Amino acid sequence: MAAAILVDDPADPRLGDYIGLTDAALRHRLETTDGVFIAEGDLAIRALVASPFPVRSVLVTAARHRALIDVLEPLGSPVYVGEPELLRAVVGFDLHRGAVAAAGRLPLAPAAELVSGARLVLVVEAVNDHENLGALFRNAAAFGVEAVLLSPTCADPLYRRSVRVSLGHVLGVPFTRLPDWPAGLGALRAGGFTVVALSPRLPARSVDTLGPLAAADGGLVLMVGAEGPGLSAGALAQADHRVRVEMAPGVDSLNVATAAAVALHRAARLGVAGPATAAPARS
């Protein structure tokens, strides 16, 4: 059990993991070099403590320390407590949540290992908006997705905003990258998965057909792409089927996380989804 450590100097070297959280270039250098990521807010920190990711340290105000005492008191990692002004000076903005934690990254698991035995897999291509990516992981957790595979051009799911928007669920839904893109999707099909592309482009079936589209002895892969360009031609060519969310006339498309939520809800209702509780995180 680690006692709270009071800090009053923004230049304290022990707070180095938290410097300049809004400086994307700086964070990329620090997080790539040190293998660290940041969880912000009570929910994300609670999810972090419950996950396999190692907690390096926690930085909180006195008020948030009291609110999180049940998870921080037994924590073996340093817990730094400072005034809101100190946190603002360190992280570079007014941290209303008053709580951040630094954690270590884990090695990426091979895709074949991650999807073994899964019934519902989400594949994400080229989503570079961290908030959309975080929302996709929140949806994945809500509807029983057992693994998320990311294309090489997707944003970092462990970036602070992704973790925060996911409400920490990115730390509980297993994910990895599929480096051989898009040819690697063929391995999923060879493994018995039905690969379904979610796209507003016609021709495409209704999302209500997701249940019958899944092979009886295999799982379902739902593939989504970035807003605007959508799925690439190469990714679409690897799909067994295309489905779309039917909308009112004159509406072009939905936000990628919203469209995925509709499709994943349909899959869950049609009995495609795996367990309601997420498997332990692997990243």
C-alpha atoms as a PDB file:
ATOM      1  CA  MET A   1       0.000   0.000   0.000  1.00  0.00           C
ATOM      2  CA  ALA A   2       1.422   3.386  -1.031  1.00  0.00           C
ATOM      3  CA  ALA A   3       0.726   6.549   0.940  1.00  0.00           C
ATOM      4  CA  ALA A   4      -0.323   9.699  -0.896  1.00  0.00           C
ATOM      5  CA  ILE A   5       2.667  11.855  -1.877  1.00  0.00           C
ATOM      6  CA  LEU A   6       2.066  15.606  -1.718  1.00  0.00           C
ATOM      7  CA  VAL A   7       3.605  17.552  -4.618  1.00  0.00           C
ATOM      8  CA  ASP A   8       3.834  21.325  -5.071  1.00  0.00           C
ATOM      9  CA  ASP A   9       6.358  21.827  -7.885  1.00  0.00           C
ATOM     10  CA  PRO A  10       5.169  21.465 -11.511  1.00  0.00           C
ATOM     11  CA  ALA A  11       8.795  20.753 -12.485  1.00  0.00           C
ATOM     12  CA  ASP A  12       8.996  17.747 -10.154  1.00  0.00           C
ATOM     13  CA  PRO A  13      10.652  15.071 -12.335  1.00  0.00           C
ATOM     14  CA  ARG A  14       8.348  12.428 -10.867  1.00  0.00           C
ATOM     15  CA  LEU A  15       5.489  14.052 -12.809  1.00  0.00           C
ATOM     16  CA  GLY A  16       7.215  13.735 -16.182  1.00  0.00           C
ATOM     17  CA  ASP A  17       4.617  11.327 -17.580  1.00  0.00           C
ATOM     18  CA  TYR A  18       1.973  14.071 -17.377  1.00  0.00           C
ATOM     19  CA  ILE A  19       3.749  16.957 -19.104  1.00  0.00           C
ATOM     20  CA  GLY A  20       1.852  18.779 -21.865  1.00  0.00           C
ATOM     21  CA  LEU A  21      -1.099  16.448 -22.409  1.00  0.00           C
ATOM     22  CA  THR A  22      -2.504  18.714 -25.151  1.00  0.00           C
ATOM     23  CA  ASP A  23       0.766  18.774 -27.122  1.00  0.00           C
ATOM     24  CA  ALA A  24       0.152  15.951 -29.607  1.00  0.00           C
ATOM     25  CA  ALA A  25       3.705  15.910 -30.988  1.00  0.00           C
ATOM     26  CA  LEU A  26       5.256  15.879 -27.511  1.00  0.00           C
ATOM     27  CA  ARG A  27       2.888  13.170 -26.306  1.00  0.00           C
ATOM     28  CA  HIS A  28       3.639  11.017 -29.348  1.00  0.00           C
ATOM     29  CA  ARG A  29       7.374  11.237 -28.623  1.00  0.00           C
ATOM     30  CA  LEU A  30       6.988  10.565 -24.903  1.00  0.00           C
ATOM     31  CA  GLU A  31       4.463   7.762 -25.232  1.00  0.00           C
ATOM     32  CA  THR A  32       6.300   6.035 -28.073  1.00  0.00           C
ATOM     33  CA  THR A  33       9.669   6.231 -26.342  1.00  0.00           C
ATOM     34  CA  ASP A  34       8.513   5.358 -22.834  1.00  0.00           C
ATOM     35  CA  GLY A  35       5.666   2.997 -23.702  1.00  0.00           C
ATOM     36  CA  VAL A  36       3.222   4.986 -21.594  1.00  0.00           C
ATOM     37  CA  PHE A  37      -0.367   6.194 -21.966  1.00  0.00           C
ATOM     38  CA  ILE A  38      -2.678   8.396 -19.925  1.00  0.00           C
ATOM     39  CA  ALA A  39      -6.085   7.655 -18.399  1.00  0.00           C
ATOM     40  CA  GLU A  40      -8.127  10.708 -17.404  1.00  0.00           C
ATOM     41  CA  GLY A  41     -11.062  10.865 -14.994  1.00  0.00           C
ATOM     42  CA  ASP A  42     -12.530   8.601 -12.325  1.00  0.00           C
ATOM     43  CA  LEU A  43     -14.136   6.045 -14.659  1.00  0.00           C
ATOM     44  CA  ALA A  44     -11.033   5.599 -16.788  1.00  0.00           C
ATOM     45  CA  ILE A  45      -8.788   5.270 -13.737  1.00  0.00           C
ATOM     46  CA  ARG A  46     -11.073   2.677 -12.174  1.00  0.00           C
ATOM     47  CA  ALA A  47     -11.051   0.751 -15.461  1.00  0.00           C
ATOM     48  CA  LEU A  48      -7.265   1.027 -15.608  1.00  0.00           C
ATOM     49  CA  VAL A  49      -6.781  -0.352 -12.098  1.00  0.00           C
ATOM     50  CA  ALA A  50      -9.061  -3.288 -12.971  1.00  0.00           C
ATOM     51  CA  SER A  51      -7.203  -3.980 -16.250  1.00  0.00           C
ATOM     52  CA  PRO A  52      -3.953  -5.856 -16.925  1.00  0.00           C
ATOM     53  CA  PHE A  53      -2.150  -2.615 -17.838  1.00  0.00           C
ATOM     54  CA  PRO A  54       0.499  -1.711 -15.223  1.00  0.00           C
ATOM     55  CA  VAL A  55      -0.184   1.585 -13.404  1.00  0.00           C
ATOM     56  CA  ARG A  56       2.947   3.735 -13.278  1.00  0.00           C
ATOM     57  CA  SER A  57       1.514   6.491 -11.095  1.00  0.00           C
ATOM     58  CA  VAL A  58      -1.580   8.597 -10.395  1.00  0.00           C
ATOM     59  CA  LEU A  59      -1.863  12.388 -10.135  1.00  0.00           C
ATOM     60  CA  VAL A  60      -4.970  13.763  -8.411  1.00  0.00           C
ATOM     61  CA  THR A  61      -6.358  16.670  -6.459  1.00  0.00           C
ATOM     62  CA  ALA A  62      -7.209  16.080  -2.812  1.00  0.00           C
ATOM     63  CA  ALA A  63     -10.929  15.928  -3.646  1.00  0.00           C
ATOM     64  CA  ARG A  64     -10.435  13.251  -6.336  1.00  0.00           C
ATOM     65  CA  HIS A  65      -8.085  11.352  -4.036  1.00  0.00           C
ATOM     66  CA  ARG A  66     -10.919  11.047  -1.518  1.00  0.00           C
ATOM     67  CA  ALA A  67     -13.365   9.982  -4.251  1.00  0.00           C
ATOM     68  CA  LEU A  68     -10.995   7.292  -5.534  1.00  0.00           C
ATOM     69  CA  ILE A  69      -9.607   6.164  -2.191  1.00  0.00           C
ATOM     70  CA  ASP A  70     -11.089   2.671  -2.521  1.00  0.00           C
ATOM     71  CA  VAL A  71      -8.969   1.915  -5.601  1.00  0.00           C
ATOM     72  CA  LEU A  72      -5.970   4.142  -4.806  1.00  0.00           C
ATOM     73  CA  GLU A  73      -5.364   3.005  -1.235  1.00  0.00           C
ATOM     74  CA  PRO A  74      -4.452  -0.593  -2.141  1.00  0.00           C
ATOM     75  CA  LEU A  75      -2.508   0.512  -5.235  1.00  0.00           C
ATOM     76  CA  GLY A  76       1.195  -0.243  -5.139  1.00  0.00           C
ATOM     77  CA  SER A  77       2.073   2.616  -7.504  1.00  0.00           C
ATOM     78  CA  PRO A  78       2.871   6.204  -6.431  1.00  0.00           C
ATOM     79  CA  VAL A  79      -0.163   8.450  -5.903  1.00  0.00           C
ATOM     80  CA  TYR A  80       0.717  12.133  -6.208  1.00  0.00           C
ATOM     81  CA  VAL A  81      -1.674  14.706  -4.712  1.00  0.00           C
ATOM     82  CA  GLY A  82      -1.529  18.384  -5.643  1.00  0.00           C
ATOM     83  CA  GLU A  83      -3.594  21.530  -5.904  1.00  0.00           C
ATOM     84  CA  PRO A  84      -5.670  22.108  -9.074  1.00  0.00           C
ATOM     85  CA  GLU A  85      -3.222  24.864 -10.075  1.00  0.00           C
ATOM     86  CA  LEU A  86      -0.342  22.394 -10.007  1.00  0.00           C
ATOM     87  CA  LEU A  87      -2.225  19.899 -12.164  1.00  0.00           C
ATOM     88  CA  ARG A  88      -3.059  22.686 -14.637  1.00  0.00           C
ATOM     89  CA  ALA A  89       0.583  23.745 -14.856  1.00  0.00           C
ATOM     90  CA  VAL A  90       1.772  20.177 -15.426  1.00  0.00           C
ATOM     91  CA  VAL A  91      -0.781  18.903 -17.966  1.00  0.00           C
ATOM     92  CA  GLY A  92      -1.240  22.200 -19.810  1.00  0.00           C
ATOM     93  CA  PHE A  93      -4.989  22.800 -19.378  1.00  0.00           C
ATOM     94  CA  ASP A  94      -7.642  23.159 -16.692  1.00  0.00           C
ATOM     95  CA  LEU A  95      -8.124  19.545 -15.637  1.00  0.00           C
ATOM     96  CA  HIS A  96     -11.735  19.673 -14.434  1.00  0.00           C
ATOM     97  CA  ARG A  97     -11.784  15.954 -13.656  1.00  0.00           C
ATOM     98  CA  GLY A  98      -8.860  16.431 -11.303  1.00  0.00           C
ATOM     99  CA  ALA A  99      -7.458  12.953 -11.875  1.00  0.00           C
ATOM    100  CA  VAL A 100      -5.022  11.383 -14.334  1.00  0.00           C
ATOM    101  CA  ALA A 101      -3.026   8.184 -14.269  1.00  0.00           C
ATOM    102  CA  ALA A 102      -0.029   7.004 -16.273  1.00  0.00           C
ATOM    103  CA  ALA A 103       0.134   3.375 -17.366  1.00  0.00           C
ATOM    104  CA  GLY A 104       2.466   1.107 -19.286  1.00  0.00           C
ATOM    105  CA  ARG A 105       1.552  -0.378 -22.657  1.00  0.00           C
ATOM    106  CA  LEU A 106       1.454  -4.110 -23.319  1.00  0.00           C
ATOM    107  CA  PRO A 107       2.655  -5.983 -26.436  1.00  0.00           C
ATOM    108  CA  LEU A 108       0.171  -6.370 -29.255  1.00  0.00           C
ATOM    109  CA  ALA A 109      -1.234  -9.886 -29.566  1.00  0.00           C
ATOM    110  CA  PRO A 110      -1.347 -11.602 -32.983  1.00  0.00           C
ATOM    111  CA  ALA A 111      -4.733 -11.148 -34.642  1.00  0.00           C
ATOM    112  CA  ALA A 112      -5.242 -14.905 -35.034  1.00  0.00           C
ATOM    113  CA  GLU A 113      -4.792 -15.383 -31.297  1.00  0.00           C
ATOM    114  CA  LEU A 114      -7.118 -12.534 -30.434  1.00  0.00           C
ATOM    115  CA  VAL A 115     -10.045 -13.709 -32.578  1.00  0.00           C
ATOM    116  CA  SER A 116      -9.757 -17.407 -31.753  1.00  0.00           C
ATOM    117  CA  GLY A 117     -13.169 -18.602 -30.578  1.00  0.00           C
ATOM    118  CA  ALA A 118     -14.791 -15.179 -31.010  1.00  0.00           C
ATOM    119  CA  ARG A 119     -18.317 -14.811 -32.367  1.00  0.00           C
ATOM    120  CA  LEU A 120     -18.318 -11.049 -32.996  1.00  0.00           C
ATOM    121  CA  VAL A 121     -15.292  -9.036 -34.136  1.00  0.00           C
ATOM    122  CA  LEU A 122     -15.113  -5.342 -35.052  1.00  0.00           C
ATOM    123  CA  VAL A 123     -12.608  -4.254 -37.714  1.00  0.00           C
ATOM    124  CA  VAL A 124     -11.805  -0.541 -38.007  1.00  0.00           C
ATOM    125  CA  GLU A 125     -10.081   1.016 -41.016  1.00  0.00           C
ATOM    126  CA  ALA A 126      -8.330   4.405 -41.017  1.00  0.00           C
ATOM    127  CA  VAL A 127     -10.332   6.044 -38.200  1.00  0.00           C
ATOM    128  CA  ASN A 128      -8.042   8.876 -37.112  1.00  0.00           C
ATOM    129  CA  ASP A 129     -10.435  10.832 -34.905  1.00  0.00           C
ATOM    130  CA  HIS A 130      -9.613   9.837 -31.318  1.00  0.00           C
ATOM    131  CA  GLU A 131     -13.110  10.563 -30.054  1.00  0.00           C
ATOM    132  CA  ASN A 132     -14.719   8.409 -32.755  1.00  0.00           C
ATOM    133  CA  LEU A 133     -12.282   5.632 -31.943  1.00  0.00           C
ATOM    134  CA  GLY A 134     -13.074   5.866 -28.243  1.00  0.00           C
ATOM    135  CA  ALA A 135     -16.804   5.793 -28.988  1.00  0.00           C
ATOM    136  CA  LEU A 136     -16.326   2.691 -31.140  1.00  0.00           C
ATOM    137  CA  PHE A 137     -14.698   0.894 -28.211  1.00  0.00           C
ATOM    138  CA  ARG A 138     -17.513   1.973 -25.897  1.00  0.00           C
ATOM    139  CA  ASN A 139     -19.995   0.524 -28.394  1.00  0.00           C
ATOM    140  CA  ALA A 140     -17.935  -2.643 -28.737  1.00  0.00           C
ATOM    141  CA  ALA A 141     -18.092  -3.186 -24.982  1.00  0.00           C
ATOM    142  CA  ALA A 142     -21.829  -2.466 -24.893  1.00  0.00           C
ATOM    143  CA  PHE A 143     -22.734  -5.037 -27.547  1.00  0.00           C
ATOM    144  CA  GLY A 144     -20.448  -7.952 -26.766  1.00  0.00           C
ATOM    145  CA  VAL A 145     -17.634  -7.488 -29.283  1.00  0.00           C
ATOM    146  CA  GLU A 146     -14.884  -9.913 -28.306  1.00  0.00           C
ATOM    147  CA  ALA A 147     -12.019  -8.411 -30.313  1.00  0.00           C
ATOM    148  CA  VAL A 148     -11.256  -5.205 -32.220  1.00  0.00           C
ATOM    149  CA  LEU A 149      -8.799  -5.257 -35.132  1.00  0.00           C
ATOM    150  CA  LEU A 150      -7.356  -1.952 -36.323  1.00  0.00           C
ATOM    151  CA  SER A 151      -5.855  -1.164 -39.713  1.00  0.00           C
ATOM    152  CA  PRO A 152      -2.280   0.198 -39.682  1.00  0.00           C
ATOM    153  CA  THR A 153      -3.575   3.729 -40.368  1.00  0.00           C
ATOM    154  CA  CYS A 154      -5.965   3.899 -37.398  1.00  0.00           C
ATOM    155  CA  ALA A 155      -5.245   6.318 -34.576  1.00  0.00           C
ATOM    156  CA  ASP A 156      -3.823   5.170 -31.258  1.00  0.00           C
ATOM    157  CA  PRO A 157      -6.701   3.725 -29.187  1.00  0.00           C
ATOM    158  CA  LEU A 158      -4.723   4.402 -25.999  1.00  0.00           C
ATOM    159  CA  TYR A 159      -4.412   8.124 -26.680  1.00  0.00           C
ATOM    160  CA  ARG A 160      -5.881  10.078 -23.755  1.00  0.00           C
ATOM    161  CA  ARG A 161      -9.025  11.274 -25.556  1.00  0.00           C
ATOM    162  CA  SER A 162      -9.790   7.793 -26.873  1.00  0.00           C
ATOM    163  CA  VAL A 163      -9.492   6.304 -23.398  1.00  0.00           C
ATOM    164  CA  ARG A 164     -11.645   9.075 -21.905  1.00  0.00           C
ATOM    165  CA  VAL A 165     -14.419   8.914 -24.536  1.00  0.00           C
ATOM    166  CA  SER A 166     -14.516   5.128 -24.274  1.00  0.00           C
ATOM    167  CA  LEU A 167     -15.131   5.557 -20.506  1.00  0.00           C
ATOM    168  CA  GLY A 168     -12.177   3.240 -20.040  1.00  0.00           C
ATOM    169  CA  HIS A 169     -13.706   0.403 -22.075  1.00  0.00           C
ATOM    170  CA  VAL A 170     -10.740   0.458 -24.467  1.00  0.00           C
ATOM    171  CA  LEU A 171      -8.819  -1.052 -21.550  1.00  0.00           C
ATOM    172  CA  GLY A 172     -11.212  -3.993 -21.335  1.00  0.00           C
ATOM    173  CA  VAL A 173     -11.979  -4.895 -24.954  1.00  0.00           C
ATOM    174  CA  PRO A 174      -9.108  -6.884 -26.518  1.00  0.00           C
ATOM    175  CA  PHE A 175      -7.572  -5.155 -29.540  1.00  0.00           C
ATOM    176  CA  THR A 176      -4.626  -5.375 -31.873  1.00  0.00           C
ATOM    177  CA  ARG A 177      -3.527  -4.175 -35.302  1.00  0.00           C
ATOM    178  CA  LEU A 178      -3.834  -6.107 -38.558  1.00  0.00           C
ATOM    179  CA  PRO A 179      -0.557  -5.143 -40.272  1.00  0.00           C
ATOM    180  CA  ASP A 180      -1.160  -7.036 -43.516  1.00  0.00           C
ATOM    181  CA  TRP A 181      -3.887  -4.719 -44.785  1.00  0.00           C
ATOM    182  CA  PRO A 182      -6.263  -5.439 -46.386  1.00  0.00           C
ATOM    183  CA  ALA A 183      -5.023  -8.913 -47.376  1.00  0.00           C
ATOM    184  CA  GLY A 184      -5.077  -9.999 -43.732  1.00  0.00           C
ATOM    185  CA  LEU A 185      -8.866  -9.890 -43.845  1.00  0.00           C
ATOM    186  CA  GLY A 186      -8.692 -12.955 -46.070  1.00  0.00           C
ATOM    187  CA  ALA A 187      -7.264 -14.931 -43.145  1.00  0.00           C
ATOM    188  CA  LEU A 188     -10.408 -14.124 -41.155  1.00  0.00           C
ATOM    189  CA  ARG A 189     -12.575 -15.501 -43.928  1.00  0.00           C
ATOM    190  CA  ALA A 190     -10.371 -18.587 -44.196  1.00  0.00           C
ATOM    191  CA  GLY A 191     -10.818 -19.044 -40.434  1.00  0.00           C
ATOM    192  CA  GLY A 192     -14.592 -19.318 -40.810  1.00  0.00           C
ATOM    193  CA  PHE A 193     -15.633 -15.711 -40.215  1.00  0.00           C
ATOM    194  CA  THR A 194     -18.182 -13.960 -42.392  1.00  0.00           C
ATOM    195  CA  VAL A 195     -16.759 -10.500 -43.163  1.00  0.00           C
ATOM    196  CA  VAL A 196     -19.458  -7.833 -43.493  1.00  0.00           C
ATOM    197  CA  ALA A 197     -18.679  -4.269 -44.571  1.00  0.00           C
ATOM    198  CA  LEU A 198     -20.830  -1.484 -43.140  1.00  0.00           C
ATOM    199  CA  SER A 199     -21.210   1.071 -45.920  1.00  0.00           C
ATOM    200  CA  PRO A 200     -23.899   3.544 -47.034  1.00  0.00           C
ATOM    201  CA  ARG A 201     -23.056   2.833 -50.666  1.00  0.00           C
ATOM    202  CA  LEU A 202     -25.466   0.802 -52.752  1.00  0.00           C
ATOM    203  CA  PRO A 203     -25.854  -2.027 -53.441  1.00  0.00           C
ATOM    204  CA  ALA A 204     -25.969  -3.174 -49.824  1.00  0.00           C
ATOM    205  CA  ARG A 205     -28.327  -5.225 -47.673  1.00  0.00           C
ATOM    206  CA  SER A 206     -30.114  -3.936 -44.583  1.00  0.00           C
ATOM    207  CA  VAL A 207     -28.346  -4.334 -41.229  1.00  0.00           C
ATOM    208  CA  ASP A 208     -31.384  -6.394 -40.215  1.00  0.00           C
ATOM    209  CA  THR A 209     -29.913  -9.259 -42.246  1.00  0.00           C
ATOM    210  CA  LEU A 210     -26.762  -9.530 -40.100  1.00  0.00           C
ATOM    211  CA  GLY A 211     -27.953 -12.629 -38.252  1.00  0.00           C
ATOM    212  CA  PRO A 212     -28.593 -14.809 -41.321  1.00  0.00           C
ATOM    213  CA  LEU A 213     -25.361 -13.563 -42.933  1.00  0.00           C
ATOM    214  CA  ALA A 214     -23.197 -15.097 -40.202  1.00  0.00           C
ATOM    215  CA  ALA A 215     -22.116 -18.653 -40.894  1.00  0.00           C
ATOM    216  CA  ALA A 216     -23.658 -21.187 -38.526  1.00  0.00           C
ATOM    217  CA  ASP A 217     -20.268 -22.524 -37.411  1.00  0.00           C
ATOM    218  CA  GLY A 218     -18.285 -19.300 -37.639  1.00  0.00           C
ATOM    219  CA  GLY A 219     -18.261 -15.776 -36.311  1.00  0.00           C
ATOM    220  CA  LEU A 220     -19.151 -12.405 -37.746  1.00  0.00           C
ATOM    221  CA  VAL A 221     -16.672  -9.648 -38.574  1.00  0.00           C
ATOM    222  CA  LEU A 222     -18.217  -6.171 -38.893  1.00  0.00           C
ATOM    223  CA  MET A 223     -15.942  -3.757 -40.733  1.00  0.00           C
ATOM    224  CA  VAL A 224     -16.249   0.041 -40.550  1.00  0.00           C
ATOM    225  CA  GLY A 225     -14.235   2.861 -42.124  1.00  0.00           C
ATOM    226  CA  ALA A 226     -13.478   6.505 -41.536  1.00  0.00           C
ATOM    227  CA  GLU A 227     -16.121   9.156 -42.041  1.00  0.00           C
ATOM    228  CA  GLY A 228     -15.991  10.764 -45.457  1.00  0.00           C
ATOM    229  CA  PRO A 229     -13.988   8.245 -47.474  1.00  0.00           C
ATOM    230  CA  GLY A 230     -15.529   5.212 -45.796  1.00  0.00           C
ATOM    231  CA  LEU A 231     -14.020   1.799 -46.379  1.00  0.00           C
ATOM    232  CA  SER A 232     -11.334   1.566 -49.049  1.00  0.00           C
ATOM    233  CA  ALA A 233     -11.874  -0.367 -52.261  1.00  0.00           C
ATOM    234  CA  GLY A 234      -9.366  -2.944 -51.079  1.00  0.00           C
ATOM    235  CA  ALA A 235     -11.208  -3.524 -47.823  1.00  0.00           C
ATOM    236  CA  LEU A 236     -14.577  -3.720 -49.560  1.00  0.00           C
ATOM    237  CA  ALA A 237     -13.163  -6.300 -51.949  1.00  0.00           C
ATOM    238  CA  GLN A 238     -12.363  -8.540 -48.965  1.00  0.00           C
ATOM    239  CA  ALA A 239     -15.939  -8.450 -47.644  1.00  0.00           C
ATOM    240  CA  ASP A 240     -18.387 -11.298 -48.129  1.00  0.00           C
ATOM    241  CA  HIS A 241     -21.344  -8.898 -47.889  1.00  0.00           C
ATOM    242  CA  ARG A 242     -22.157  -5.208 -47.567  1.00  0.00           C
ATOM    243  CA  VAL A 243     -24.821  -3.858 -45.247  1.00  0.00           C
ATOM    244  CA  ARG A 244     -26.152  -0.370 -44.652  1.00  0.00           C
ATOM    245  CA  VAL A 245     -28.246   1.464 -42.078  1.00  0.00           C
ATOM    246  CA  GLU A 246     -31.410   2.542 -43.859  1.00  0.00           C
ATOM    247  CA  MET A 247     -32.087   6.253 -43.375  1.00  0.00           C
ATOM    248  CA  ALA A 248     -34.600   8.894 -44.353  1.00  0.00           C
ATOM    249  CA  PRO A 249     -34.288  10.331 -47.878  1.00  0.00           C
ATOM    250  CA  GLY A 250     -31.746  13.123 -48.139  1.00  0.00           C
ATOM    251  CA  VAL A 251     -29.515  11.860 -45.308  1.00  0.00           C
ATOM    252  CA  ASP A 252     -26.158  10.777 -46.680  1.00  0.00           C
ATOM    253  CA  SER A 253     -24.601   8.905 -43.771  1.00  0.00           C
ATOM    254  CA  LEU A 254     -24.163   8.611 -40.007  1.00  0.00           C
ATOM    255  CA  ASN A 255     -21.210   9.235 -37.744  1.00  0.00           C
ATOM    256  CA  VAL A 256     -19.059   6.081 -37.862  1.00  0.00           C
ATOM    257  CA  ALA A 257     -19.552   5.314 -34.173  1.00  0.00           C
ATOM    258  CA  THR A 258     -23.312   5.849 -34.454  1.00  0.00           C
ATOM    259  CA  ALA A 259     -23.611   3.607 -37.506  1.00  0.00           C
ATOM    260  CA  ALA A 260     -21.494   0.933 -35.820  1.00  0.00           C
ATOM    261  CA  ALA A 261     -23.694   1.105 -32.712  1.00  0.00           C
ATOM    262  CA  VAL A 262     -26.802   0.466 -34.798  1.00  0.00           C
ATOM    263  CA  ALA A 263     -25.200  -2.492 -36.579  1.00  0.00           C
ATOM    264  CA  LEU A 264     -23.702  -3.992 -33.419  1.00  0.00           C
ATOM    265  CA  HIS A 265     -27.048  -3.650 -31.645  1.00  0.00           C
ATOM    266  CA  ARG A 266     -28.688  -5.530 -34.512  1.00  0.00           C
ATOM    267  CA  ALA A 267     -26.017  -8.229 -34.322  1.00  0.00           C
ATOM    268  CA  ALA A 268     -26.522  -8.595 -30.577  1.00  0.00           C
ATOM    269  CA  ARG A 269     -30.306  -8.771 -30.932  1.00  0.00           C
ATOM    270  CA  LEU A 270     -29.952 -11.379 -33.666  1.00  0.00           C
ATOM    271  CA  GLY A 271     -27.848 -13.603 -31.433  1.00  0.00           C
ATOM    272  CA  VAL A 272     -24.474 -13.014 -33.082  1.00  0.00           C
ATOM    273  CA  ALA A 273     -22.771 -11.330 -30.125  1.00  0.00           C
ATOM    274  CA  GLY A 274     -20.452 -13.117 -27.751  1.00  0.00           C
ATOM    275  CA  PRO A 275     -20.481 -12.900 -23.943  1.00  0.00           C
ATOM    276  CA  ALA A 276     -22.033  -9.824 -22.359  1.00  0.00           C
ATOM    277  CA  THR A 277     -18.923  -9.253 -20.278  1.00  0.00           C
ATOM    278  CA  ALA A 278     -15.739  -8.296 -22.054  1.00  0.00           C
ATOM    279  CA  ALA A 279     -12.689 -10.532 -21.985  1.00  0.00           C
ATOM    280  CA  PRO A 280      -9.488  -9.313 -20.286  1.00  0.00           C
ATOM    281  CA  ALA A 281      -7.733  -6.627 -22.276  1.00  0.00           C
ATOM    282  CA  ARG A 282      -4.788  -7.469 -24.478  1.00  0.00           C
ATOM    283  CA  SER A 283      -3.104  -4.769 -26.493  1.00  0.00           C
END
